[in-house]
Amino acid sequence: MDQKTNEFALKIKDWIEAKNGTEIEIIDVGELTTMTDAFVIASGSSTINVKAIAEHVEEMASKEGTEPLSYEGRQGGRWILIDFNSVIVHIFLDEERKFYDLERLWTDGKRI
């Protein structure tokens, strides 16, 4: 992962923490896939919290001139995915996070 992507992923982590997101993981997957360079994975305490985290991340990125390529799960709020191309953000309710267990799927990725 290049320095710019690393810095962006760390900013996303800060933005998630600002809205009480928990268990935040940054995984460098650039050597493992062509779809993205990094995943930021986090948990929210409720669907309202998951949505608030996602909205805050999108708003802060927009203020920096970065718009998402796509945004999934906004209505349900159980798992929201925000694709910024070089960084894909996954914000889960705990139940969904445990079920999908992305960290296990990407164990070969480097933890940041």
N, C-alpha and C. Protein backbone atom coordinates (compact mmCIF):
# COMPACT_ATOMS: atom_id res chain seq x y z
N MET A 1 0.86 -1.16 0.00
CA MET A 1 0.00 0.00 0.00
C MET A 1 0.91 1.23 0.00
N ASP A 2 0.59 2.17 -0.85
CA ASP A 2 1.41 3.38 -0.90
C ASP A 2 1.09 4.32 0.27
N GLN A 3 1.94 5.31 0.46
CA GLN A 3 1.82 6.23 1.61
C GLN A 3 0.48 6.98 1.61
N LYS A 4 0.04 7.43 0.43
CA LYS A 4 -1.21 8.19 0.33
C LYS A 4 -2.41 7.33 0.77
N THR A 5 -2.42 6.08 0.31
CA THR A 5 -3.51 5.17 0.69
C THR A 5 -3.46 4.86 2.18
N ASN A 6 -2.26 4.64 2.71
CA ASN A 6 -2.10 4.39 4.14
C ASN A 6 -2.61 5.56 4.97
N GLU A 7 -2.25 6.77 4.57
CA GLU A 7 -2.71 7.96 5.29
C GLU A 7 -4.23 8.10 5.23
N PHE A 8 -4.82 7.82 4.07
CA PHE A 8 -6.27 7.91 3.91
C PHE A 8 -6.96 6.87 4.81
N ALA A 9 -6.44 5.64 4.83
CA ALA A 9 -7.02 4.60 5.68
C ALA A 9 -6.95 5.00 7.16
N LEU A 10 -5.84 5.59 7.56
CA LEU A 10 -5.72 6.04 8.96
C LEU A 10 -6.67 7.19 9.29
N LYS A 11 -6.91 8.07 8.32
CA LYS A 11 -7.91 9.13 8.53
C LYS A 11 -9.29 8.52 8.71
N ILE A 12 -9.61 7.53 7.88
CA ILE A 12 -10.90 6.87 7.99
C ILE A 12 -11.06 6.26 9.37
N LYS A 13 -10.00 5.64 9.87
CA LYS A 13 -10.03 5.08 11.23
C LYS A 13 -10.38 6.17 12.24
N ASP A 14 -9.73 7.32 12.13
CA ASP A 14 -10.03 8.44 13.04
C ASP A 14 -11.48 8.89 12.92
N TRP A 15 -11.97 8.98 11.70
CA TRP A 15 -13.36 9.42 11.50
C TRP A 15 -14.33 8.42 12.11
N ILE A 16 -14.02 7.13 11.98
CA ILE A 16 -14.88 6.09 12.57
C ILE A 16 -14.86 6.21 14.10
N GLU A 17 -13.68 6.40 14.66
CA GLU A 17 -13.57 6.56 16.12
C GLU A 17 -14.35 7.77 16.61
N ALA A 18 -14.39 8.82 15.81
CA ALA A 18 -15.11 10.05 16.20
C ALA A 18 -16.61 9.80 16.36
N LYS A 19 -17.11 8.77 15.72
CA LYS A 19 -18.53 8.42 15.83
C LYS A 19 -18.74 7.13 16.62
N ASN A 20 -17.78 6.84 17.50
CA ASN A 20 -17.87 5.70 18.41
C ASN A 20 -17.85 4.34 17.74
N GLY A 21 -17.23 4.24 16.58
CA GLY A 21 -17.00 2.94 15.97
C GLY A 21 -15.96 2.18 16.79
N THR A 22 -16.06 0.87 16.78
CA THR A 22 -15.17 0.04 17.59
C THR A 22 -14.52 -1.05 16.75
N GLU A 23 -13.54 -1.72 17.37
CA GLU A 23 -12.86 -2.87 16.76
C GLU A 23 -12.42 -2.57 15.33
N ILE A 24 -11.74 -1.47 15.15
CA ILE A 24 -11.34 -1.01 13.82
C ILE A 24 -10.08 -1.72 13.38
N GLU A 25 -10.14 -2.33 12.22
CA GLU A 25 -9.01 -3.04 11.63
C GLU A 25 -8.71 -2.41 10.27
N ILE A 26 -7.44 -2.23 9.98
CA ILE A 26 -7.01 -1.83 8.64
C ILE A 26 -6.17 -2.98 8.11
N ILE A 27 -6.55 -3.51 6.96
CA ILE A 27 -5.85 -4.64 6.38
C ILE A 27 -5.35 -4.26 4.99
N ASP A 28 -4.05 -4.37 4.79
CA ASP A 28 -3.42 -4.14 3.49
C ASP A 28 -3.60 -5.40 2.66
N VAL A 29 -4.41 -5.30 1.60
CA VAL A 29 -4.67 -6.45 0.73
C VAL A 29 -4.16 -6.21 -0.69
N GLY A 30 -3.37 -5.17 -0.87
CA GLY A 30 -2.89 -4.79 -2.19
C GLY A 30 -2.13 -5.88 -2.93
N GLU A 31 -1.42 -6.72 -2.18
CA GLU A 31 -0.65 -7.81 -2.78
C GLU A 31 -1.54 -9.04 -3.06
N LEU A 32 -2.75 -9.03 -2.54
CA LEU A 32 -3.61 -10.21 -2.61
C LEU A 32 -4.75 -10.10 -3.61
N THR A 33 -5.10 -8.87 -4.00
CA THR A 33 -6.24 -8.67 -4.89
C THR A 33 -6.03 -7.40 -5.71
N THR A 34 -6.71 -7.34 -6.84
CA THR A 34 -6.66 -6.13 -7.67
C THR A 34 -7.82 -5.19 -7.40
N MET A 35 -8.77 -5.61 -6.55
CA MET A 35 -9.97 -4.79 -6.34
C MET A 35 -9.71 -3.55 -5.50
N THR A 36 -8.72 -3.60 -4.59
CA THR A 36 -8.44 -2.48 -3.69
C THR A 36 -7.07 -2.68 -3.05
N ASP A 37 -6.60 -1.67 -2.37
CA ASP A 37 -5.34 -1.78 -1.65
C ASP A 37 -5.54 -2.07 -0.17
N ALA A 38 -6.67 -1.62 0.39
CA ALA A 38 -6.88 -1.79 1.83
C ALA A 38 -8.36 -1.90 2.17
N PHE A 39 -8.62 -2.64 3.23
CA PHE A 39 -9.94 -2.68 3.84
C PHE A 39 -9.84 -1.99 5.19
N VAL A 40 -10.85 -1.19 5.51
CA VAL A 40 -11.03 -0.70 6.87
C VAL A 40 -12.32 -1.35 7.34
N ILE A 41 -12.22 -2.11 8.42
CA ILE A 41 -13.36 -2.86 8.95
C ILE A 41 -13.64 -2.35 10.37
N ALA A 42 -14.91 -2.06 10.64
CA ALA A 42 -15.27 -1.53 11.96
C ALA A 42 -16.66 -2.01 12.35
N SER A 43 -16.94 -1.86 13.64
CA SER A 43 -18.25 -2.23 14.18
C SER A 43 -18.96 -0.99 14.72
N GLY A 44 -20.28 -1.02 14.61
CA GLY A 44 -21.14 -0.02 15.23
C GLY A 44 -22.07 -0.70 16.21
N SER A 45 -22.58 0.04 17.16
CA SER A 45 -23.38 -0.53 18.23
C SER A 45 -24.85 -0.74 17.88
N SER A 46 -25.33 -0.08 16.83
CA SER A 46 -26.73 -0.19 16.41
C SER A 46 -26.81 0.20 14.94
N THR A 47 -27.96 -0.04 14.32
CA THR A 47 -28.09 0.37 12.92
C THR A 47 -27.97 1.88 12.78
N ILE A 48 -28.46 2.61 13.76
CA ILE A 48 -28.35 4.07 13.73
C ILE A 48 -26.88 4.48 13.81
N ASN A 49 -26.11 3.81 14.67
CA ASN A 49 -24.68 4.11 14.81
C ASN A 49 -23.92 3.74 13.54
N VAL A 50 -24.22 2.59 12.96
CA VAL A 50 -23.56 2.17 11.72
C VAL A 50 -23.81 3.20 10.63
N LYS A 51 -25.06 3.65 10.49
CA LYS A 51 -25.38 4.66 9.49
C LYS A 51 -24.68 5.98 9.78
N ALA A 52 -24.63 6.38 11.04
CA ALA A 52 -23.97 7.65 11.41
C ALA A 52 -22.48 7.59 11.11
N ILE A 53 -21.85 6.46 11.40
CA ILE A 53 -20.43 6.30 11.09
C ILE A 53 -20.20 6.43 9.59
N ALA A 54 -21.00 5.72 8.82
CA ALA A 54 -20.84 5.74 7.36
C ALA A 54 -21.06 7.14 6.80
N GLU A 55 -22.08 7.83 7.27
CA GLU A 55 -22.34 9.19 6.79
C GLU A 55 -21.19 10.13 7.14
N HIS A 56 -20.63 9.96 8.34
CA HIS A 56 -19.52 10.81 8.77
C HIS A 56 -18.28 10.55 7.91
N VAL A 57 -17.98 9.29 7.65
CA VAL A 57 -16.83 8.94 6.80
C VAL A 57 -17.01 9.55 5.42
N GLU A 58 -18.19 9.39 4.84
CA GLU A 58 -18.45 9.94 3.51
C GLU A 58 -18.34 11.46 3.51
N GLU A 59 -18.89 12.11 4.53
CA GLU A 59 -18.84 13.57 4.62
C GLU A 59 -17.40 14.09 4.75
N MET A 60 -16.62 13.46 5.62
CA MET A 60 -15.25 13.90 5.84
C MET A 60 -14.38 13.66 4.61
N ALA A 61 -14.58 12.54 3.95
CA ALA A 61 -13.83 12.26 2.72
C ALA A 61 -14.18 13.27 1.64
N SER A 62 -15.46 13.60 1.54
CA SER A 62 -15.92 14.58 0.56
C SER A 62 -15.27 15.95 0.81
N LYS A 63 -15.15 16.33 2.08
CA LYS A 63 -14.51 17.60 2.42
C LYS A 63 -13.05 17.63 1.97
N GLU A 64 -12.45 16.44 1.86
CA GLU A 64 -11.07 16.34 1.39
C GLU A 64 -10.98 16.12 -0.11
N GLY A 65 -12.14 16.12 -0.78
CA GLY A 65 -12.15 15.98 -2.23
C GLY A 65 -12.21 14.55 -2.73
N THR A 66 -12.55 13.60 -1.85
CA THR A 66 -12.64 12.20 -2.25
C THR A 66 -14.09 11.73 -2.14
N GLU A 67 -14.62 11.30 -3.26
CA GLU A 67 -16.00 10.80 -3.30
C GLU A 67 -15.98 9.28 -3.49
N PRO A 68 -16.91 8.57 -2.87
CA PRO A 68 -16.95 7.11 -3.05
C PRO A 68 -17.38 6.73 -4.46
N LEU A 69 -16.84 5.60 -4.93
CA LEU A 69 -17.28 5.04 -6.21
C LEU A 69 -18.65 4.39 -6.06
N SER A 70 -18.85 3.75 -4.90
CA SER A 70 -20.15 3.15 -4.63
C SER A 70 -20.36 3.06 -3.13
N TYR A 71 -21.62 2.83 -2.77
CA TYR A 71 -22.06 2.85 -1.37
C TYR A 71 -23.18 1.82 -1.27
N GLU A 72 -22.99 0.79 -0.48
CA GLU A 72 -24.00 -0.27 -0.36
C GLU A 72 -24.49 -0.40 1.07
N GLY A 73 -25.76 -0.76 1.24
CA GLY A 73 -26.30 -1.07 2.55
C GLY A 73 -26.84 0.09 3.35
N ARG A 74 -26.97 1.24 2.71
CA ARG A 74 -27.41 2.44 3.42
C ARG A 74 -28.78 2.27 4.08
N GLN A 75 -29.70 1.60 3.42
CA GLN A 75 -31.05 1.47 3.97
C GLN A 75 -31.09 0.60 5.22
N GLY A 76 -30.46 -0.56 5.16
CA GLY A 76 -30.55 -1.50 6.26
C GLY A 76 -29.72 -1.12 7.47
N GLY A 77 -28.51 -0.66 7.23
CA GLY A 77 -27.64 -0.24 8.31
C GLY A 77 -27.03 -1.36 9.12
N ARG A 78 -27.10 -2.59 8.59
CA ARG A 78 -26.51 -3.73 9.31
C ARG A 78 -25.07 -3.96 8.82
N TRP A 79 -24.82 -3.65 7.56
CA TRP A 79 -23.48 -3.74 6.97
C TRP A 79 -23.44 -2.71 5.86
N ILE A 80 -22.65 -1.70 6.03
CA ILE A 80 -22.51 -0.66 5.01
C ILE A 80 -21.10 -0.74 4.44
N LEU A 81 -21.03 -0.72 3.12
CA LEU A 81 -19.77 -0.75 2.41
C LEU A 81 -19.62 0.55 1.65
N ILE A 82 -18.47 1.19 1.81
CA ILE A 82 -18.16 2.41 1.07
C ILE A 82 -16.89 2.14 0.28
N ASP A 83 -16.97 2.23 -1.04
CA ASP A 83 -15.83 1.93 -1.92
C ASP A 83 -15.18 3.23 -2.37
N PHE A 84 -13.98 3.48 -1.86
CA PHE A 84 -13.20 4.65 -2.27
C PHE A 84 -12.11 4.25 -3.27
N ASN A 85 -12.24 3.11 -3.91
CA ASN A 85 -11.31 2.54 -4.87
C ASN A 85 -10.08 1.97 -4.16
N SER A 86 -9.18 2.80 -3.67
CA SER A 86 -7.97 2.27 -3.03
C SER A 86 -8.24 1.77 -1.61
N VAL A 87 -9.34 2.21 -1.02
CA VAL A 87 -9.74 1.77 0.32
C VAL A 87 -11.23 1.44 0.28
N ILE A 88 -11.57 0.26 0.77
CA ILE A 88 -12.98 -0.13 0.90
C ILE A 88 -13.28 -0.21 2.39
N VAL A 89 -14.32 0.49 2.80
CA VAL A 89 -14.71 0.57 4.21
C VAL A 89 -15.92 -0.34 4.44
N HIS A 90 -15.82 -1.18 5.46
CA HIS A 90 -16.91 -2.07 5.88
C HIS A 90 -17.29 -1.69 7.30
N ILE A 91 -18.54 -1.31 7.50
CA ILE A 91 -19.02 -0.98 8.84
C ILE A 91 -20.18 -1.93 9.15
N PHE A 92 -20.00 -2.70 10.21
CA PHE A 92 -20.92 -3.79 10.55
C PHE A 92 -21.57 -3.60 11.90
N LEU A 93 -22.75 -4.20 12.05
CA LEU A 93 -23.25 -4.55 13.37
C LEU A 93 -22.45 -5.79 13.80
N ASP A 94 -22.26 -5.99 15.09
CA ASP A 94 -21.43 -7.11 15.57
C ASP A 94 -21.88 -8.46 15.00
N GLU A 95 -23.18 -8.70 14.98
CA GLU A 95 -23.72 -9.97 14.51
C GLU A 95 -23.28 -10.26 13.07
N GLU A 96 -23.40 -9.27 12.19
CA GLU A 96 -23.00 -9.44 10.79
C GLU A 96 -21.48 -9.59 10.67
N ARG A 97 -20.76 -8.82 11.47
CA ARG A 97 -19.30 -8.90 11.40
C ARG A 97 -18.82 -10.30 11.77
N LYS A 98 -19.39 -10.87 12.81
CA LYS A 98 -19.01 -12.23 13.21
C LYS A 98 -19.40 -13.24 12.15
N PHE A 99 -20.56 -13.06 11.53
CA PHE A 99 -21.03 -14.00 10.52
C PHE A 99 -20.12 -13.99 9.28
N TYR A 100 -19.82 -12.80 8.77
CA TYR A 100 -19.02 -12.71 7.53
C TYR A 100 -17.53 -12.85 7.78
N ASP A 101 -17.05 -12.47 8.96
CA ASP A 101 -15.67 -12.67 9.41
C ASP A 101 -14.64 -12.35 8.32
N LEU A 102 -14.68 -11.14 7.81
CA LEU A 102 -13.76 -10.73 6.75
C LEU A 102 -12.29 -10.83 7.18
N GLU A 103 -12.03 -10.60 8.43
CA GLU A 103 -10.66 -10.70 8.91
C GLU A 103 -10.10 -12.11 8.68
N ARG A 104 -10.92 -13.11 8.87
CA ARG A 104 -10.49 -14.50 8.64
C ARG A 104 -10.25 -14.74 7.16
N LEU A 105 -11.11 -14.17 6.33
CA LEU A 105 -10.96 -14.36 4.88
C LEU A 105 -9.69 -13.73 4.34
N TRP A 106 -9.22 -12.67 5.01
CA TRP A 106 -8.06 -11.93 4.54
C TRP A 106 -6.89 -12.06 5.53
N THR A 107 -6.70 -13.24 6.10
CA THR A 107 -5.64 -13.44 7.08
C THR A 107 -4.25 -13.22 6.49
N ASP A 108 -4.10 -13.36 5.18
CA ASP A 108 -2.80 -13.15 4.55
C ASP A 108 -2.49 -11.65 4.38
N GLY A 109 -3.48 -10.81 4.60
CA GLY A 109 -3.26 -9.36 4.50
C GLY A 109 -2.49 -8.84 5.69
N LYS A 110 -1.75 -7.79 5.47
CA LYS A 110 -0.95 -7.18 6.53
C LYS A 110 -1.83 -6.25 7.36
N ARG A 111 -1.83 -6.44 8.69
CA ARG A 111 -2.59 -5.56 9.58
C ARG A 111 -1.82 -4.26 9.79
N ILE A 112 -2.49 -3.13 9.67
CA ILE A 112 -1.85 -1.83 9.85
C ILE A 112 -2.19 -1.32 11.25
